[in-house]
Every structure is written in C-alpha cells, then in structure tokens.
C-alpha atoms as a PDB file:
ATOM      1  CA  MET A   1     233.651 171.602 124.297  1.00  0.00           C
ATOM      2  CA  LYS A   2     235.824 170.986 127.343  1.00  0.00           C
ATOM      3  CA  ILE A   3     237.931 174.098 126.748  1.00  0.00           C
ATOM      4  CA  PHE A   4     234.814 176.207 126.164  1.00  0.00           C
ATOM      5  CA  THR A   5     233.390 175.027 129.483  1.00  0.00           C
ATOM      6  CA  TYR A   6     236.603 175.943 131.313  1.00  0.00           C
ATOM      7  CA  VAL A   7     236.603 179.378 129.679  1.00  0.00           C
ATOM      8  CA  LEU A   8     233.025 179.974 130.809  1.00  0.00           C
ATOM      9  CA  ILE A   9     233.923 178.947 134.364  1.00  0.00           C
ATOM     10  CA  ILE A  10     236.863 181.365 134.378  1.00  0.00           C
ATOM     11  CA  VAL A  11     234.660 184.188 133.055  1.00  0.00           C
ATOM     12  CA  ALA A  12     232.070 183.484 135.759  1.00  0.00           C
ATOM     13  CA  ILE A  13     234.764 183.542 138.443  1.00  0.00           C
ATOM     14  CA  LEU A  14     236.121 186.837 137.123  1.00  0.00           C
ATOM     15  CA  LEU A  15     232.625 188.337 137.088  1.00  0.00           C
ATOM     16  CA  SER A  16     232.111 187.227 140.688  1.00  0.00           C
ATOM     17  CA  ILE A  17     235.381 188.848 141.735  1.00  0.00           C
ATOM     18  CA  PHE A  18     234.541 192.060 139.892  1.00  0.00           C
ATOM     19  CA  ASN A  19     231.100 192.244 141.460  1.00  0.00           C
ATOM     20  CA  ALA A  20     232.528 191.513 144.903  1.00  0.00           C
ATOM     21  CA  THR A  21     234.533 194.737 144.602  1.00  0.00           C
ATOM     22  CA  ARG A  22     231.280 196.643 143.966  1.00  0.00           C
ATOM     23  CA  LEU A  23     229.663 195.539 147.240  1.00  0.00           C
ATOM     24  CA  ASP A  24     229.001 198.088 149.963  1.00  0.00           C
ATOM     25  CA  PHE A  25     228.689 196.068 153.154  1.00  0.00           C
ATOM     26  CA  SER A  26     227.002 198.860 155.090  1.00  0.00           C
ATOM     27  CA  ASN A  27     224.105 198.962 152.573  1.00  0.00           C
ATOM     28  CA  LEU A  28     224.167 195.479 151.102  1.00  0.00           C
ATOM     29  CA  LEU A  29     220.590 195.391 149.840  1.00  0.00           C
ATOM     30  CA  GLU A  30     220.457 198.857 148.283  1.00  0.00           C
ATOM     31  CA  GLY A  31     221.495 200.312 144.930  1.00  0.00           C
ATOM     32  CA  ASP A  32     224.558 198.942 143.177  1.00  0.00           C
ATOM     33  CA  SER A  33     225.291 196.532 146.018  1.00  0.00           C
ATOM     34  CA  LEU A  34     222.041 194.676 145.383  1.00  0.00           C
ATOM     35  CA  ILE A  35     222.829 194.377 141.677  1.00  0.00           C
ATOM     36  CA  ALA A  36     226.343 193.155 142.480  1.00  0.00           C
ATOM     37  CA  LEU A  37     224.977 190.642 144.985  1.00  0.00           C
ATOM     38  CA  ILE A  38     222.489 189.277 142.442  1.00  0.00           C
ATOM     39  CA  SER A  39     225.268 189.054 139.850  1.00  0.00           C
ATOM     40  CA  ILE A  40     227.510 187.134 142.237  1.00  0.00           C
ATOM     41  CA  VAL A  41     224.738 184.636 142.976  1.00  0.00           C
ATOM     42  CA  ALA A  42     224.027 184.267 139.242  1.00  0.00           C
ATOM     43  CA  SER A  43     227.721 183.666 138.516  1.00  0.00           C
ATOM     44  CA  LEU A  44     227.921 181.018 141.220  1.00  0.00           C
ATOM     45  CA  CYS A  45     224.831 179.323 139.790  1.00  0.00           C
ATOM     46  CA  ALA A  46     226.423 179.345 136.344  1.00  0.00           C
ATOM     47  CA  ILE A  47     229.583 177.740 137.744  1.00  0.00           C
ATOM     48  CA  LEU A  48     227.516 175.066 139.475  1.00  0.00           C
ATOM     49  CA  ILE A  49     225.574 174.305 136.292  1.00  0.00           C
ATOM     50  CA  LEU A  50     228.795 174.054 134.271  1.00  0.00           C
ATOM     51  CA  LEU A  51     230.337 171.699 136.833  1.00  0.00           C
ATOM     52  CA  ILE A  52     227.226 169.500 136.715  1.00  0.00           C
ATOM     53  CA  PHE A  53     227.433 169.529 132.910  1.00  0.00           C
ATOM     54  CA  MET A  54     231.089 168.456 133.001  1.00  0.00           C
ATOM     55  CA  THR A  55     230.289 165.638 135.420  1.00  0.00           C
ATOM     56  CA  SER A  56     227.417 164.413 133.260  1.00  0.00           C
ATOM     57  CA  LYS A  57     229.690 164.394 130.204  1.00  0.00           C
ATOM     58  CA  LYS A  58     232.256 162.299 132.085  1.00  0.00           C
ATOM     59  CA  ILE A  59     229.551 159.825 133.117  1.00  0.00           C
ATOM     60  CA  GLU A  60     228.232 159.685 129.551  1.00  0.00           C
ATOM     61  CA  ASP A  61     231.728 158.959 128.219  1.00  0.00           C
ATOM     62  CA  LYS A  62     232.237 156.136 130.734  1.00  0.00           C
ATOM     63  CA  VAL A  63     228.861 154.594 129.916  1.00  0.00           C
ATOM     64  CA  ASN A  64     229.507 154.775 126.173  1.00  0.00           C
ATOM     65  CA  ASN A  65     232.989 153.255 126.523  1.00  0.00           C
ATOM     66  CA  SER A  66     231.762 150.377 128.680  1.00  0.00           C
ATOM     67  CA  ASN A  67     229.054 149.445 126.162  1.00  0.00           C
ATOM     68  CA  LYS A  68     231.544 148.988 123.316  1.00  0.00           C
END
C-alpha cells in the first residue's frame, strides 16, 4: 500500500507539471488555461489527501504497536 501511495503522488506531481506547461498567463481564466489550472488544483488536492492518508497510517501503526 505504501508503494502504491508513492506512485500516486508521483503521478499527481507529473500531472501538475504537465498542466503547468499548458497555462497561458495572459489569459489564465479562459479556454485550456482554465482547464489546466483546475487540473493543477485537483492534483495538489490529491497529493494533500494522500499525505494525510500516509500520516494517518503511521499513527494507526504506532497506536496498534503500543497496545500490544
């Protein structure tokens, strides 16, 4: 599960980088730039959720090990 989480984080980072190349800073909220901007925000949200998931798994492991 840990490796799968890291792979998803890497994919989200790569998608953010790809979408950053599609941005047109003169018309940021129009056309393909808007779609790229939304995709970048969604990728960053996915990374944040995965990092929270990893932290919760670490806490769960520590709690389970201390109870034994």
